[in-house]
Amino acid sequence: MAFNIFTNVVSLASARAARWLIFTGLFFTGFGILIITYPKFFATMAAVVFFLIGAGFFVTAAKIYLAARKWKKAVDTEPDSYRENVRLHIEEHPGESDYL
């Protein structure tokens, strides 16, 4: 007795992949034609995008630098008053003083 296990899953997957490839190919072809047609416009747009990305990196680096500087200043100026009247309890040697 022979079983026919074929389904349309493979056929549907390959058709979807073909549609995706056709769409992507048309998109990149059209985009390439636009770049050839208007090179100065797209060069300007690319320059603006790179400028904005660079400015974003600069602002982020400045924020990190200022936060680190503020944190360092807060740590350096913090008084050591929290260490006053500290008792150390050592249970291994009960006869010794509680203060070290």
PDB file of N, CA and C in Angstrom:
ATOM      1  N   MET A   1       0.845  -1.167   0.000  1.00  0.00           N
ATOM      2  CA  MET A   1       0.000   0.000   0.000  1.00  0.00           C
ATOM      3  C   MET A   1       0.893   1.232   0.000  1.00  0.00           C
ATOM      4  N   ALA A   2       0.720   2.125  -0.931  1.00  0.00           N
ATOM      5  CA  ALA A   2       1.547   3.322  -1.063  1.00  0.00           C
ATOM      6  C   ALA A   2       0.816   4.515  -0.462  1.00  0.00           C
ATOM      7  N   PHE A   3       1.603   5.335   0.228  1.00  0.00           N
ATOM      8  CA  PHE A   3       1.042   6.553   0.832  1.00  0.00           C
ATOM      9  C   PHE A   3       1.564   7.770   0.077  1.00  0.00           C
ATOM     10  N   ASN A   4       0.693   8.654  -0.269  1.00  0.00           N
ATOM     11  CA  ASN A   4       1.089   9.902  -0.924  1.00  0.00           C
ATOM     12  C   ASN A   4       1.096  10.992   0.148  1.00  0.00           C
ATOM     13  N   ILE A   5       2.294  11.409   0.589  1.00  0.00           N
ATOM     14  CA  ILE A   5       2.427  12.359   1.685  1.00  0.00           C
ATOM     15  C   ILE A   5       2.607  13.781   1.168  1.00  0.00           C
ATOM     16  N   PHE A   6       2.603  13.984  -0.128  1.00  0.00           N
ATOM     17  CA  PHE A   6       2.857  15.305  -0.687  1.00  0.00           C
ATOM     18  C   PHE A   6       1.783  16.295  -0.247  1.00  0.00           C
ATOM     19  N   THR A   7       2.241  17.457   0.199  1.00  0.00           N
ATOM     20  CA  THR A   7       1.317  18.558   0.511  1.00  0.00           C
ATOM     21  C   THR A   7       1.771  19.782  -0.259  1.00  0.00           C
ATOM     22  N   ASN A   8       1.005  20.823  -0.182  1.00  0.00           N
ATOM     23  CA  ASN A   8       1.335  22.048  -0.888  1.00  0.00           C
ATOM     24  C   ASN A   8       2.255  22.968  -0.079  1.00  0.00           C
ATOM     25  N   VAL A   9       2.778  22.491   1.029  1.00  0.00           N
ATOM     26  CA  VAL A   9       3.614  23.334   1.884  1.00  0.00           C
ATOM     27  C   VAL A   9       4.870  23.779   1.147  1.00  0.00           C
ATOM     28  N   VAL A  10       5.525  22.848   0.472  1.00  0.00           N
ATOM     29  CA  VAL A  10       6.748  23.191  -0.255  1.00  0.00           C
ATOM     30  C   VAL A  10       6.429  24.133  -1.403  1.00  0.00           C
ATOM     31  N   SER A  11       5.365  23.885  -2.086  1.00  0.00           N
ATOM     32  CA  SER A  11       4.961  24.735  -3.194  1.00  0.00           C
ATOM     33  C   SER A  11       4.623  26.145  -2.709  1.00  0.00           C
ATOM     34  N   LEU A  12       3.909  26.263  -1.591  1.00  0.00           N
ATOM     35  CA  LEU A  12       3.561  27.577  -1.049  1.00  0.00           C
ATOM     36  C   LEU A  12       4.809  28.329  -0.560  1.00  0.00           C
ATOM     37  N   ALA A  13       5.718  27.607   0.074  1.00  0.00           N
ATOM     38  CA  ALA A  13       6.941  28.251   0.565  1.00  0.00           C
ATOM     39  C   ALA A  13       7.782  28.778  -0.590  1.00  0.00           C
ATOM     40  N   SER A  14       7.910  28.009  -1.646  1.00  0.00           N
ATOM     41  CA  SER A  14       8.712  28.465  -2.778  1.00  0.00           C
ATOM     42  C   SER A  14       8.025  29.626  -3.506  1.00  0.00           C
ATOM     43  N   ALA A  15       6.703  29.617  -3.579  1.00  0.00           N
ATOM     44  CA  ALA A  15       5.988  30.730  -4.216  1.00  0.00           C
ATOM     45  C   ALA A  15       6.154  32.007  -3.396  1.00  0.00           C
ATOM     46  N   ARG A  16       6.081  31.904  -2.059  1.00  0.00           N
ATOM     47  CA  ARG A  16       6.290  33.084  -1.210  1.00  0.00           C
ATOM     48  C   ARG A  16       7.715  33.609  -1.330  1.00  0.00           C
ATOM     49  N   ALA A  17       8.685  32.697  -1.388  1.00  0.00           N
ATOM     50  CA  ALA A  17      10.074  33.124  -1.547  1.00  0.00           C
ATOM     51  C   ALA A  17      10.268  33.821  -2.892  1.00  0.00           C
ATOM     52  N   ALA A  18       9.634  33.308  -3.932  1.00  0.00           N
ATOM     53  CA  ALA A  18       9.744  33.932  -5.256  1.00  0.00           C
ATOM     54  C   ALA A  18       9.118  35.321  -5.255  1.00  0.00           C
ATOM     55  N   ARG A  19       7.956  35.473  -4.596  1.00  0.00           N
ATOM     56  CA  ARG A  19       7.334  36.800  -4.509  1.00  0.00           C
ATOM     57  C   ARG A  19       8.225  37.786  -3.758  1.00  0.00           C
ATOM     58  N   TRP A  20       8.802  37.325  -2.682  1.00  0.00           N
ATOM     59  CA  TRP A  20       9.691  38.191  -1.893  1.00  0.00           C
ATOM     60  C   TRP A  20      10.902  38.597  -2.720  1.00  0.00           C
ATOM     61  N   LEU A  21      11.477  37.661  -3.460  1.00  0.00           N
ATOM     62  CA  LEU A  21      12.631  37.969  -4.305  1.00  0.00           C
ATOM     63  C   LEU A  21      12.269  38.945  -5.419  1.00  0.00           C
ATOM     64  N   ILE A  22      11.100  38.772  -6.025  1.00  0.00           N
ATOM     65  CA  ILE A  22      10.677  39.702  -7.084  1.00  0.00           C
ATOM     66  C   ILE A  22      10.477  41.103  -6.511  1.00  0.00           C
ATOM     67  N   PHE A  23       9.800  41.204  -5.381  1.00  0.00           N
ATOM     68  CA  PHE A  23       9.580  42.508  -4.751  1.00  0.00           C
ATOM     69  C   PHE A  23      10.906  43.177  -4.398  1.00  0.00           C
ATOM     70  N   THR A  24      11.814  42.432  -3.782  1.00  0.00           N
ATOM     71  CA  THR A  24      13.112  42.992  -3.396  1.00  0.00           C
ATOM     72  C   THR A  24      13.903  43.424  -4.618  1.00  0.00           C
ATOM     73  N   GLY A  25      13.888  42.611  -5.657  1.00  0.00           N
ATOM     74  CA  GLY A  25      14.601  42.968  -6.893  1.00  0.00           C
ATOM     75  C   GLY A  25      14.053  44.231  -7.527  1.00  0.00           C
ATOM     76  N   LEU A  26      12.722  44.353  -7.587  1.00  0.00           N
ATOM     77  CA  LEU A  26      12.108  45.556  -8.148  1.00  0.00           C
ATOM     78  C   LEU A  26      12.410  46.788  -7.299  1.00  0.00           C
ATOM     79  N   PHE A  27      12.374  46.613  -5.989  1.00  0.00           N
ATOM     80  CA  PHE A  27      12.661  47.732  -5.092  1.00  0.00           C
ATOM     81  C   PHE A  27      14.078  48.252  -5.308  1.00  0.00           C
ATOM     82  N   PHE A  28      15.062  47.343  -5.291  1.00  0.00           N
ATOM     83  CA  PHE A  28      16.446  47.780  -5.460  1.00  0.00           C
ATOM     84  C   PHE A  28      16.719  48.315  -6.859  1.00  0.00           C
ATOM     85  N   THR A  29      16.068  47.759  -7.866  1.00  0.00           N
ATOM     86  CA  THR A  29      16.224  48.281  -9.224  1.00  0.00           C
ATOM     87  C   THR A  29      15.677  49.702  -9.319  1.00  0.00           C
ATOM     88  N   GLY A  30      14.489  49.926  -8.763  1.00  0.00           N
ATOM     89  CA  GLY A  30      13.906  51.278  -8.779  1.00  0.00           C
ATOM     90  C   GLY A  30      14.733  52.263  -7.976  1.00  0.00           C
ATOM     91  N   PHE A  31      15.229  51.826  -6.832  1.00  0.00           N
ATOM     92  CA  PHE A  31      16.058  52.699  -6.014  1.00  0.00           C
ATOM     93  C   PHE A  31      17.355  53.044  -6.742  1.00  0.00           C
ATOM     94  N   GLY A  32      17.934  52.076  -7.424  1.00  0.00           N
ATOM     95  CA  GLY A  32      19.149  52.333  -8.212  1.00  0.00           C
ATOM     96  C   GLY A  32      18.899  53.322  -9.343  1.00  0.00           C
ATOM     97  N   ILE A  33      17.738  53.208 -10.003  1.00  0.00           N
ATOM     98  CA  ILE A  33      17.393  54.146 -11.079  1.00  0.00           C
ATOM     99  C   ILE A  33      17.221  55.552 -10.510  1.00  0.00           C
ATOM    100  N   LEU A  34      16.589  55.673  -9.350  1.00  0.00           N
ATOM    101  CA  LEU A  34      16.445  56.989  -8.713  1.00  0.00           C
ATOM    102  C   LEU A  34      17.798  57.586  -8.344  1.00  0.00           C
ATOM    103  N   ILE A  35      18.704  56.772  -7.868  1.00  0.00           N
ATOM    104  CA  ILE A  35      20.030  57.283  -7.520  1.00  0.00           C
ATOM    105  C   ILE A  35      20.772  57.745  -8.768  1.00  0.00           C
ATOM    106  N   ILE A  36      20.652  56.986  -9.852  1.00  0.00           N
ATOM    107  CA  ILE A  36      21.300  57.392 -11.112  1.00  0.00           C
ATOM    108  C   ILE A  36      20.673  58.694 -11.624  1.00  0.00           C
ATOM    109  N   THR A  37      19.352  58.830 -11.483  1.00  0.00           N
ATOM    110  CA  THR A  37      18.649  60.005 -11.985  1.00  0.00           C
ATOM    111  C   THR A  37      18.935  61.247 -11.145  1.00  0.00           C
ATOM    112  N   TYR A  38      18.929  61.111  -9.837  1.00  0.00           N
ATOM    113  CA  TYR A  38      19.122  62.246  -8.930  1.00  0.00           C
ATOM    114  C   TYR A  38      20.309  62.003  -7.982  1.00  0.00           C
ATOM    115  N   PRO A  39      21.530  62.019  -8.499  1.00  0.00           N
ATOM    116  CA  PRO A  39      22.663  61.685  -7.635  1.00  0.00           C
ATOM    117  C   PRO A  39      22.936  62.747  -6.565  1.00  0.00           C
ATOM    118  N   LYS A  40      22.757  64.017  -6.896  1.00  0.00           N
ATOM    119  CA  LYS A  40      23.038  65.066  -5.919  1.00  0.00           C
ATOM    120  C   LYS A  40      22.040  65.020  -4.762  1.00  0.00           C
ATOM    121  N   PHE A  41      20.788  64.770  -5.076  1.00  0.00           N
ATOM    122  CA  PHE A  41      19.765  64.682  -4.033  1.00  0.00           C
ATOM    123  C   PHE A  41      20.072  63.549  -3.055  1.00  0.00           C
ATOM    124  N   PHE A  42      20.377  62.368  -3.590  1.00  0.00           N
ATOM    125  CA  PHE A  42      20.646  61.228  -2.712  1.00  0.00           C
ATOM    126  C   PHE A  42      21.969  61.372  -1.973  1.00  0.00           C
ATOM    127  N   ALA A  43      22.950  62.024  -2.597  1.00  0.00           N
ATOM    128  CA  ALA A  43      24.200  62.285  -1.881  1.00  0.00           C
ATOM    129  C   ALA A  43      23.949  63.237  -0.720  1.00  0.00           C
ATOM    130  N   THR A  44      23.105  64.247  -0.944  1.00  0.00           N
ATOM    131  CA  THR A  44      22.754  65.179   0.129  1.00  0.00           C
ATOM    132  C   THR A  44      21.987  64.459   1.235  1.00  0.00           C
ATOM    133  N   MET A  45      21.049  63.605   0.851  1.00  0.00           N
ATOM    134  CA  MET A  45      20.282  62.859   1.853  1.00  0.00           C
ATOM    135  C   MET A  45      21.194  61.939   2.668  1.00  0.00           C
ATOM    136  N   ALA A  46      22.139  61.276   2.009  1.00  0.00           N
ATOM    137  CA  ALA A  46      23.075  60.406   2.721  1.00  0.00           C
ATOM    138  C   ALA A  46      23.938  61.229   3.669  1.00  0.00           C
ATOM    139  N   ALA A  47      24.371  62.405   3.215  1.00  0.00           N
ATOM    140  CA  ALA A  47      25.178  63.260   4.082  1.00  0.00           C
ATOM    141  C   ALA A  47      24.386  63.710   5.302  1.00  0.00           C
ATOM    142  N   VAL A  48      23.122  64.046   5.115  1.00  0.00           N
ATOM    143  CA  VAL A  48      22.275  64.455   6.247  1.00  0.00           C
ATOM    144  C   VAL A  48      22.096  63.298   7.229  1.00  0.00           C
ATOM    145  N   VAL A  49      21.884  62.109   6.709  1.00  0.00           N
ATOM    146  CA  VAL A  49      21.710  60.936   7.580  1.00  0.00           C
ATOM    147  C   VAL A  49      22.984  60.681   8.375  1.00  0.00           C
ATOM    148  N   PHE A  50      24.134  60.719   7.713  1.00  0.00           N
ATOM    149  CA  PHE A  50      25.402  60.502   8.417  1.00  0.00           C
ATOM    150  C   PHE A  50      25.662  61.603   9.439  1.00  0.00           C
ATOM    151  N   PHE A  51      25.312  62.840   9.098  1.00  0.00           N
ATOM    152  CA  PHE A  51      25.486  63.940  10.047  1.00  0.00           C
ATOM    153  C   PHE A  51      24.626  63.732  11.291  1.00  0.00           C
ATOM    154  N   LEU A  52      23.368  63.337  11.096  1.00  0.00           N
ATOM    155  CA  LEU A  52      22.479  63.113  12.236  1.00  0.00           C
ATOM    156  C   LEU A  52      22.946  61.932  13.096  1.00  0.00           C
ATOM    157  N   ILE A  53      23.424  60.887  12.464  1.00  0.00           N
ATOM    158  CA  ILE A  53      23.939  59.745  13.219  1.00  0.00           C
ATOM    159  C   ILE A  53      25.170  60.155  14.013  1.00  0.00           C
ATOM    160  N   GLY A  54      26.073  60.912  13.396  1.00  0.00           N
ATOM    161  CA  GLY A  54      27.261  61.389  14.096  1.00  0.00           C
ATOM    162  C   GLY A  54      26.906  62.297  15.260  1.00  0.00           C
ATOM    163  N   ALA A  55      25.945  63.179  15.060  1.00  0.00           N
ATOM    164  CA  ALA A  55      25.504  64.061  16.144  1.00  0.00           C
ATOM    165  C   ALA A  55      24.892  63.252  17.278  1.00  0.00           C
ATOM    166  N   GLY A  56      24.148  62.220  16.944  1.00  0.00           N
ATOM    167  CA  GLY A  56      23.568  61.352  17.967  1.00  0.00           C
ATOM    168  C   GLY A  56      24.634  60.647  18.792  1.00  0.00           C
ATOM    169  N   PHE A  57      25.683  60.166  18.136  1.00  0.00           N
ATOM    170  CA  PHE A  57      26.782  59.540  18.860  1.00  0.00           C
ATOM    171  C   PHE A  57      27.487  60.552  19.750  1.00  0.00           C
ATOM    172  N   PHE A  58      27.684  61.762  19.246  1.00  0.00           N
ATOM    173  CA  PHE A  58      28.347  62.805  20.027  1.00  0.00           C
ATOM    174  C   PHE A  58      27.533  63.150  21.271  1.00  0.00           C
ATOM    175  N   VAL A  59      26.227  63.317  21.109  1.00  0.00           N
ATOM    176  CA  VAL A  59      25.367  63.662  22.244  1.00  0.00           C
ATOM    177  C   VAL A  59      25.357  62.530  23.269  1.00  0.00           C
ATOM    178  N   THR A  60      25.284  61.289  22.812  1.00  0.00           N
ATOM    179  CA  THR A  60      25.292  60.148  23.727  1.00  0.00           C
ATOM    180  C   THR A  60      26.609  60.064  24.485  1.00  0.00           C
ATOM    181  N   ALA A  61      27.724  60.272  23.789  1.00  0.00           N
ATOM    182  CA  ALA A  61      29.027  60.246  24.455  1.00  0.00           C
ATOM    183  C   ALA A  61      29.138  61.372  25.481  1.00  0.00           C
ATOM    184  N   ALA A  62      28.631  62.547  25.144  1.00  0.00           N
ATOM    185  CA  ALA A  62      28.675  63.666  26.085  1.00  0.00           C
ATOM    186  C   ALA A  62      27.830  63.365  27.320  1.00  0.00           C
ATOM    187  N   LYS A  63      26.656  62.771  27.146  1.00  0.00           N
ATOM    188  CA  LYS A  63      25.809  62.408  28.287  1.00  0.00           C
ATOM    189  C   LYS A  63      26.509  61.401  29.191  1.00  0.00           C
ATOM    190  N   ILE A  64      27.145  60.399  28.592  1.00  0.00           N
ATOM    191  CA  ILE A  64      27.853  59.392  29.383  1.00  0.00           C
ATOM    192  C   ILE A  64      29.018  60.031  30.128  1.00  0.00           C
ATOM    193  N   TYR A  65      29.775  60.892  29.448  1.00  0.00           N
ATOM    194  CA  TYR A  65      30.907  61.553  30.072  1.00  0.00           C
ATOM    195  C   TYR A  65      30.452  62.424  31.247  1.00  0.00           C
ATOM    196  N   LEU A  66      29.400  63.212  31.053  1.00  0.00           N
ATOM    197  CA  LEU A  66      28.916  64.082  32.122  1.00  0.00           C
ATOM    198  C   LEU A  66      28.342  63.282  33.290  1.00  0.00           C
ATOM    199  N   ALA A  67      27.655  62.189  33.002  1.00  0.00           N
ATOM    200  CA  ALA A  67      27.116  61.352  34.077  1.00  0.00           C
ATOM    201  C   ALA A  67      28.245  60.712  34.880  1.00  0.00           C
ATOM    202  N   ALA A  68      29.288  60.245  34.196  1.00  0.00           N
ATOM    203  CA  ALA A  68      30.427  59.645  34.893  1.00  0.00           C
ATOM    204  C   ALA A  68      31.149  60.688  35.734  1.00  0.00           C
ATOM    205  N   ARG A  69      31.269  61.882  35.210  1.00  0.00           N
ATOM    206  CA  ARG A  69      31.931  62.963  35.958  1.00  0.00           C
ATOM    207  C   ARG A  69      31.116  63.341  37.198  1.00  0.00           C
ATOM    208  N   LYS A  70      29.796  63.430  37.040  1.00  0.00           N
ATOM    209  CA  LYS A  70      28.920  63.753  38.162  1.00  0.00           C
ATOM    210  C   LYS A  70      28.972  62.653  39.218  1.00  0.00           C
ATOM    211  N   TRP A  71      28.975  61.391  38.790  1.00  0.00           N
ATOM    212  CA  TRP A  71      29.026  60.278  39.718  1.00  0.00           C
ATOM    213  C   TRP A  71      30.354  60.256  40.474  1.00  0.00           C
ATOM    214  N   LYS A  72      31.468  60.518  39.750  1.00  0.00           N
ATOM    215  CA  LYS A  72      32.784  60.539  40.385  1.00  0.00           C
ATOM    216  C   LYS A  72      32.851  61.664  41.413  1.00  0.00           C
ATOM    217  N   LYS A  73      32.304  62.814  41.073  1.00  0.00           N
ATOM    218  CA  LYS A  73      32.304  63.941  41.998  1.00  0.00           C
ATOM    219  C   LYS A  73      31.473  63.607  43.245  1.00  0.00           C
ATOM    220  N   ALA A  74      30.351  62.944  43.077  1.00  0.00           N
ATOM    221  CA  ALA A  74      29.505  62.571  44.208  1.00  0.00           C
ATOM    222  C   ALA A  74      30.212  61.554  45.105  1.00  0.00           C
ATOM    223  N   VAL A  75      30.955  60.641  44.518  1.00  0.00           N
ATOM    224  CA  VAL A  75      31.665  59.633  45.294  1.00  0.00           C
ATOM    225  C   VAL A  75      32.848  60.267  46.027  1.00  0.00           C
ATOM    226  N   ASP A  76      33.547  61.179  45.366  1.00  0.00           N
ATOM    227  CA  ASP A  76      34.718  61.812  45.974  1.00  0.00           C
ATOM    228  C   ASP A  76      34.347  62.754  47.114  1.00  0.00           C
ATOM    229  N   THR A  77      33.218  63.421  47.037  1.00  0.00           N
ATOM    230  CA  THR A  77      32.842  64.399  48.059  1.00  0.00           C
ATOM    231  C   THR A  77      32.007  63.788  49.179  1.00  0.00           C
ATOM    232  N   GLU A  78      31.681  62.513  49.078  1.00  0.00           N
ATOM    233  CA  GLU A  78      30.858  61.877  50.103  1.00  0.00           C
ATOM    234  C   GLU A  78      31.690  61.705  51.377  1.00  0.00           C
ATOM    235  N   PRO A  79      31.198  62.153  52.517  1.00  0.00           N
ATOM    236  CA  PRO A  79      31.976  62.035  53.753  1.00  0.00           C
ATOM    237  C   PRO A  79      32.036  60.590  54.239  1.00  0.00           C
ATOM    238  N   ASP A  80      33.034  60.324  55.041  1.00  0.00           N
ATOM    239  CA  ASP A  80      33.195  58.986  55.599  1.00  0.00           C
ATOM    240  C   ASP A  80      32.469  58.841  56.924  1.00  0.00           C
ATOM    241  N   SER A  81      31.458  59.633  57.173  1.00  0.00           N
ATOM    242  CA  SER A  81      30.750  59.608  58.450  1.00  0.00           C
ATOM    243  C   SER A  81      30.001  58.305  58.680  1.00  0.00           C
ATOM    244  N   TYR A  82      29.706  57.579  57.620  1.00  0.00           N
ATOM    245  CA  TYR A  82      28.987  56.333  57.791  1.00  0.00           C
ATOM    246  C   TYR A  82      29.855  55.259  58.442  1.00  0.00           C
ATOM    247  N   ARG A  83      31.138  55.491  58.616  1.00  0.00           N
ATOM    248  CA  ARG A  83      32.026  54.518  59.235  1.00  0.00           C
ATOM    249  C   ARG A  83      32.254  54.787  60.723  1.00  0.00           C
ATOM    250  N   GLU A  84      31.674  55.828  61.260  1.00  0.00           N
ATOM    251  CA  GLU A  84      31.860  56.135  62.674  1.00  0.00           C
ATOM    252  C   GLU A  84      31.041  55.161  63.519  1.00  0.00           C
ATOM    253  N   ASN A  85      31.569  54.839  64.693  1.00  0.00           N
ATOM    254  CA  ASN A  85      30.907  53.964  65.654  1.00  0.00           C
ATOM    255  C   ASN A  85      30.571  52.593  65.071  1.00  0.00           C
ATOM    256  N   VAL A  86      31.497  52.021  64.372  1.00  0.00           N
ATOM    257  CA  VAL A  86      31.294  50.707  63.793  1.00  0.00           C
ATOM    258  C   VAL A  86      31.887  49.672  64.742  1.00  0.00           C
ATOM    259  N   ARG A  87      31.117  48.685  65.080  1.00  0.00           N
ATOM    260  CA  ARG A  87      31.596  47.599  65.923  1.00  0.00           C
ATOM    261  C   ARG A  87      31.753  46.340  65.080  1.00  0.00           C
ATOM    262  N   LEU A  88      32.848  45.673  65.265  1.00  0.00           N
ATOM    263  CA  LEU A  88      33.079  44.408  64.594  1.00  0.00           C
ATOM    264  C   LEU A  88      32.936  43.303  65.618  1.00  0.00           C
ATOM    265  N   HIS A  89      32.029  42.419  65.387  1.00  0.00           N
ATOM    266  CA  HIS A  89      31.796  41.302  66.300  1.00  0.00           C
ATOM    267  C   HIS A  89      32.441  40.056  65.728  1.00  0.00           C
ATOM    268  N   ILE A  90      33.399  39.530  66.447  1.00  0.00           N
ATOM    269  CA  ILE A  90      34.086  38.325  66.015  1.00  0.00           C
ATOM    270  C   ILE A  90      33.717  37.226  66.993  1.00  0.00           C
ATOM    271  N   GLU A  91      32.966  36.259  66.519  1.00  0.00           N
ATOM    272  CA  GLU A  91      32.460  35.217  67.393  1.00  0.00           C
ATOM    273  C   GLU A  91      33.497  34.148  67.670  1.00  0.00           C
ATOM    274  N   GLU A  92      34.548  34.065  66.876  1.00  0.00           N
ATOM    275  CA  GLU A  92      35.552  33.042  67.095  1.00  0.00           C
ATOM    276  C   GLU A  92      36.397  33.321  68.342  1.00  0.00           C
ATOM    277  N   HIS A  93      36.594  34.591  68.693  1.00  0.00           N
ATOM    278  CA  HIS A  93      37.405  34.988  69.826  1.00  0.00           C
ATOM    279  C   HIS A  93      36.581  35.856  70.763  1.00  0.00           C
ATOM    280  N   PRO A  94      35.763  35.273  71.634  1.00  0.00           N
ATOM    281  CA  PRO A  94      34.863  36.067  72.459  1.00  0.00           C
ATOM    282  C   PRO A  94      35.588  36.895  73.537  1.00  0.00           C
ATOM    283  N   GLY A  95      36.797  36.564  73.873  1.00  0.00           N
ATOM    284  CA  GLY A  95      37.495  37.285  74.932  1.00  0.00           C
ATOM    285  C   GLY A  95      38.117  38.594  74.490  1.00  0.00           C
ATOM    286  N   GLU A  96      38.259  38.797  73.184  1.00  0.00           N
ATOM    287  CA  GLU A  96      38.911  40.011  72.697  1.00  0.00           C
ATOM    288  C   GLU A  96      37.936  41.179  72.632  1.00  0.00           C
ATOM    289  N   SER A  97      38.474  42.365  72.436  1.00  0.00           N
ATOM    290  CA  SER A  97      37.672  43.577  72.388  1.00  0.00           C
ATOM    291  C   SER A  97      36.782  43.587  71.150  1.00  0.00           C
ATOM    292  N   ASP A  98      35.660  44.280  71.267  1.00  0.00           N
ATOM    293  CA  ASP A  98      34.751  44.419  70.129  1.00  0.00           C
ATOM    294  C   ASP A  98      35.242  45.437  69.119  1.00  0.00           C
ATOM    295  N   TYR A  99      36.223  46.248  69.468  1.00  0.00           N
ATOM    296  CA  TYR A  99      36.706  47.306  68.577  1.00  0.00           C
ATOM    297  C   TYR A  99      38.049  46.889  67.997  1.00  0.00           C
ATOM    298  N   LEU A 100      38.227  47.113  66.747  1.00  0.00           N
ATOM    299  CA  LEU A 100      39.505  46.846  66.098  1.00  0.00           C
ATOM    300  C   LEU A 100      40.121  48.110  65.600  1.00  0.00           C
TER     301      LEU A 100
END
